[in-house]
Amino acid sequence: MSIQNVLDGICQYFGGPFDAATRTYRSSLVDGVGVVRRAWAKRDNHADYFNGMPPGTRTGSQIVVHIAHQRETRKAVGGATSGVKRVAYTVVLHCYIRSNTPFAEDAQDDVYALRDALVARLRQDRTLGGAVFQAGEAVDGELSWIEFEYGQAETKDELTKNYLSMQFPVTEYVFA
């Protein structure tokens, strides 16, 4: 499977079908996510953070799915010239959050709620809808991990912006 197929599959798992007109995944399958992207946008559209949410929703986000690292190793299970290759990716979900809450503390609570929703979605299917062999799980004695980084909120003109990243390993096997 190509890296583009893996990336597209991960984006679909979190964001629904691809919308070619906007180059986004606009049917988010995670509460609090307006759109999922497979690359950073040239222009930041505030409405994307709240896409598909009821009017008056206080906090929304958009996610950029980024494959930050890739490693390939051979697993010879059928002799010296036969076997499979293990392809391991490090995936980062860059979550950009905007909130219209009266208090920044409430916006921070919404960041934690987004984190919980992302973890719940990840745990629903270790194959991410068939996009990969497994995500966030250990293989061959390696450590399993899901890691988070929380940003510091910035408030200006009654809009609170924040950032959250979720990082996890993804594995696939190819015959080679």
Protein backbone atom coordinates (compact mmCIF):
# COMPACT_ATOMS: atom_id res chain seq x y z
CA MET A 1 0.00 0.00 0.00
CA SER A 2 1.34 3.46 -0.81
CA ILE A 3 1.89 6.15 1.80
CA GLN A 4 -0.86 8.20 0.10
CA ASN A 5 -3.31 5.31 0.61
CA VAL A 6 -2.33 4.99 4.27
CA LEU A 7 -2.73 8.75 4.79
CA ASP A 8 -6.08 8.82 2.98
CA GLY A 9 -7.33 5.83 5.00
CA ILE A 10 -6.39 7.46 8.30
CA CYS A 11 -8.05 10.72 7.25
CA GLN A 12 -11.23 8.85 6.27
CA TYR A 13 -11.27 6.97 9.57
CA PHE A 14 -11.34 10.23 11.53
CA GLY A 15 -13.00 12.55 9.00
CA GLY A 16 -15.29 10.54 6.73
CA PRO A 17 -15.22 10.53 2.92
CA PHE A 18 -12.91 12.83 0.96
CA ASP A 19 -14.48 15.98 -0.50
CA ALA A 20 -12.53 16.75 -3.70
CA ALA A 21 -13.91 20.29 -4.00
CA THR A 22 -12.43 21.40 -0.66
CA ARG A 23 -9.62 18.81 -0.38
CA THR A 24 -10.88 17.90 3.09
CA TYR A 25 -12.75 15.18 4.91
CA ARG A 26 -15.90 16.98 6.02
CA SER A 27 -18.07 14.30 7.65
CA SER A 28 -16.12 14.01 10.87
CA LEU A 29 -16.59 10.89 12.93
CA VAL A 30 -15.26 12.57 16.09
CA ASP A 31 -17.27 15.00 18.22
CA GLY A 32 -15.82 18.49 18.11
CA VAL A 33 -14.01 18.10 14.77
CA GLY A 34 -15.18 20.18 11.82
CA VAL A 35 -12.80 18.95 9.13
CA VAL A 36 -9.83 16.66 8.74
CA ARG A 37 -7.03 17.53 6.32
CA ARG A 38 -4.17 15.52 4.85
CA ALA A 39 -2.00 18.65 4.52
CA TRP A 40 -1.87 22.18 5.88
CA ALA A 41 -4.21 24.57 4.06
CA LYS A 42 -3.11 27.71 2.26
CA ARG A 43 -5.97 29.65 3.83
CA ASP A 44 -7.49 29.23 7.27
CA ASN A 45 -11.28 29.27 7.13
CA HIS A 46 -12.87 29.82 10.55
CA ALA A 47 -16.08 28.07 9.41
CA ASP A 48 -14.15 24.80 8.86
CA TYR A 49 -13.60 24.48 12.62
CA PHE A 50 -17.37 24.28 13.13
CA ASN A 51 -18.36 22.45 9.93
CA GLY A 52 -21.38 20.20 10.48
CA MET A 53 -21.91 21.32 14.07
CA PRO A 54 -25.13 22.88 15.37
CA PRO A 55 -25.29 26.70 15.34
CA GLY A 56 -23.93 28.15 18.55
CA THR A 57 -21.45 25.32 19.18
CA ARG A 58 -18.90 26.89 21.49
CA THR A 59 -15.74 24.99 20.45
CA GLY A 60 -14.64 23.38 17.21
CA SER A 61 -11.47 22.11 15.63
CA GLN A 62 -9.76 20.93 12.52
CA ILE A 63 -7.17 18.20 12.29
CA VAL A 64 -4.18 17.88 10.00
CA VAL A 65 -3.04 14.25 9.72
CA HIS A 66 0.73 14.13 9.30
CA ILE A 67 2.94 11.10 8.76
CA ALA A 68 6.08 12.32 10.49
CA HIS A 69 8.30 9.25 10.21
CA GLN A 70 8.51 5.95 8.33
CA ARG A 71 10.69 2.87 8.83
CA GLU A 72 10.77 -0.32 6.77
CA THR A 73 12.26 -3.65 7.92
CA ARG A 74 12.27 -7.13 6.40
CA LYS A 75 10.73 -10.03 8.29
CA ALA A 76 12.06 -13.16 6.56
CA VAL A 77 9.53 -15.85 7.37
CA GLY A 78 9.94 -17.95 4.22
CA GLY A 79 13.72 -18.07 3.81
CA ALA A 80 16.32 -15.59 2.65
CA THR A 81 14.42 -14.42 -0.44
CA SER A 82 10.84 -14.55 0.74
CA GLY A 83 8.91 -12.86 3.45
CA VAL A 84 7.18 -9.64 4.31
CA LYS A 85 8.27 -6.12 5.03
CA ARG A 86 7.05 -4.32 8.08
CA VAL A 87 6.38 -0.67 7.40
CA ALA A 88 6.05 1.45 10.53
CA TYR A 89 4.79 5.01 10.48
CA THR A 90 4.60 7.65 13.18
CA VAL A 91 1.31 9.49 12.75
CA VAL A 92 0.63 12.89 14.28
CA LEU A 93 -2.85 14.38 14.48
CA HIS A 94 -2.32 18.14 14.70
CA CYS A 95 -5.52 19.51 16.24
CA TYR A 96 -6.18 23.23 15.95
CA ILE A 97 -8.95 24.40 18.25
CA ARG A 98 -11.08 27.54 18.30
CA SER A 99 -13.50 28.40 21.03
CA ASN A 100 -16.05 31.13 21.64
CA THR A 101 -16.51 30.26 25.32
CA PRO A 102 -16.76 33.17 27.76
CA PHE A 103 -13.97 31.59 29.85
CA ALA A 104 -10.66 30.17 28.63
CA GLU A 105 -10.95 27.48 31.31
CA ASP A 106 -14.03 26.09 29.54
CA ALA A 107 -12.13 26.08 26.26
CA GLN A 108 -9.37 24.04 27.94
CA ASP A 109 -11.98 21.56 29.16
CA ASP A 110 -13.14 21.23 25.54
CA VAL A 111 -9.54 20.42 24.51
CA TYR A 112 -9.53 17.55 27.01
CA ALA A 113 -12.93 16.38 25.73
CA LEU A 114 -11.52 16.36 22.17
CA ARG A 115 -8.58 14.28 23.39
CA ASP A 116 -10.97 11.77 24.96
CA ALA A 117 -13.06 11.58 21.76
CA LEU A 118 -9.95 10.97 19.63
CA VAL A 119 -8.74 8.18 21.92
CA ALA A 120 -12.19 6.56 21.88
CA ARG A 121 -12.23 6.66 18.06
CA LEU A 122 -8.70 5.23 17.82
CA ARG A 123 -9.64 2.38 20.17
CA GLN A 124 -12.78 1.46 18.20
CA ASP A 125 -10.78 -0.30 15.48
CA ARG A 126 -7.05 -1.01 15.65
CA THR A 127 -6.95 -1.20 11.81
CA LEU A 128 -8.46 2.29 11.44
CA GLY A 129 -11.17 0.99 9.17
CA GLY A 130 -8.78 -1.29 7.27
CA ALA A 131 -6.30 1.49 6.47
CA VAL A 132 -3.44 -0.28 8.28
CA PHE A 133 -2.60 -3.55 10.04
CA GLN A 134 -2.76 -1.82 13.42
CA ALA A 135 -2.46 1.55 15.09
CA GLY A 136 -1.32 2.45 18.60
CA GLU A 137 -0.37 -1.17 19.30
CA ALA A 138 2.92 -2.99 19.94
CA VAL A 139 4.55 -5.30 17.37
CA ASP A 140 7.52 -7.63 17.93
CA GLY A 141 8.16 -6.51 21.50
CA GLU A 142 8.21 -2.80 20.72
CA LEU A 143 6.46 -0.44 23.09
CA SER A 144 2.90 0.59 22.39
CA TRP A 145 2.18 4.26 22.86
CA ILE A 146 -0.20 7.11 22.28
CA GLU A 147 1.34 10.45 23.15
CA PHE A 148 -0.23 13.88 23.57
CA GLU A 149 1.11 17.40 23.60
CA TYR A 150 -1.06 20.21 24.89
CA GLY A 151 -0.66 23.82 23.81
CA GLN A 152 -1.16 26.95 25.82
CA ALA A 153 -4.38 28.78 25.08
CA GLU A 154 -4.22 32.18 23.43
CA THR A 155 -7.19 34.51 23.77
CA LYS A 156 -7.81 37.61 21.67
CA ASP A 157 -11.04 39.44 20.86
CA GLU A 158 -13.09 36.85 22.79
CA LEU A 159 -11.75 33.97 20.66
CA THR A 160 -9.63 31.33 22.36
CA LYS A 161 -7.23 29.31 20.22
CA ASN A 162 -5.47 26.19 21.37
CA TYR A 163 -3.48 23.24 20.05
CA LEU A 164 -3.37 19.53 20.79
CA SER A 165 -1.28 16.86 19.10
CA MET A 166 -1.90 13.13 19.28
CA GLN A 167 0.94 10.88 18.13
CA PHE A 168 0.84 7.10 17.68
CA PRO A 169 2.56 4.31 15.73
CA VAL A 170 0.93 2.65 12.74
CA THR A 171 2.06 -0.66 11.23
CA GLU A 172 1.40 -2.35 7.93
CA TYR A 173 2.90 -5.45 6.31
CA VAL A 174 3.63 -5.86 2.61
CA PHE A 175 4.81 -8.96 0.77
CA ALA A 176 8.24 -8.32 -0.72
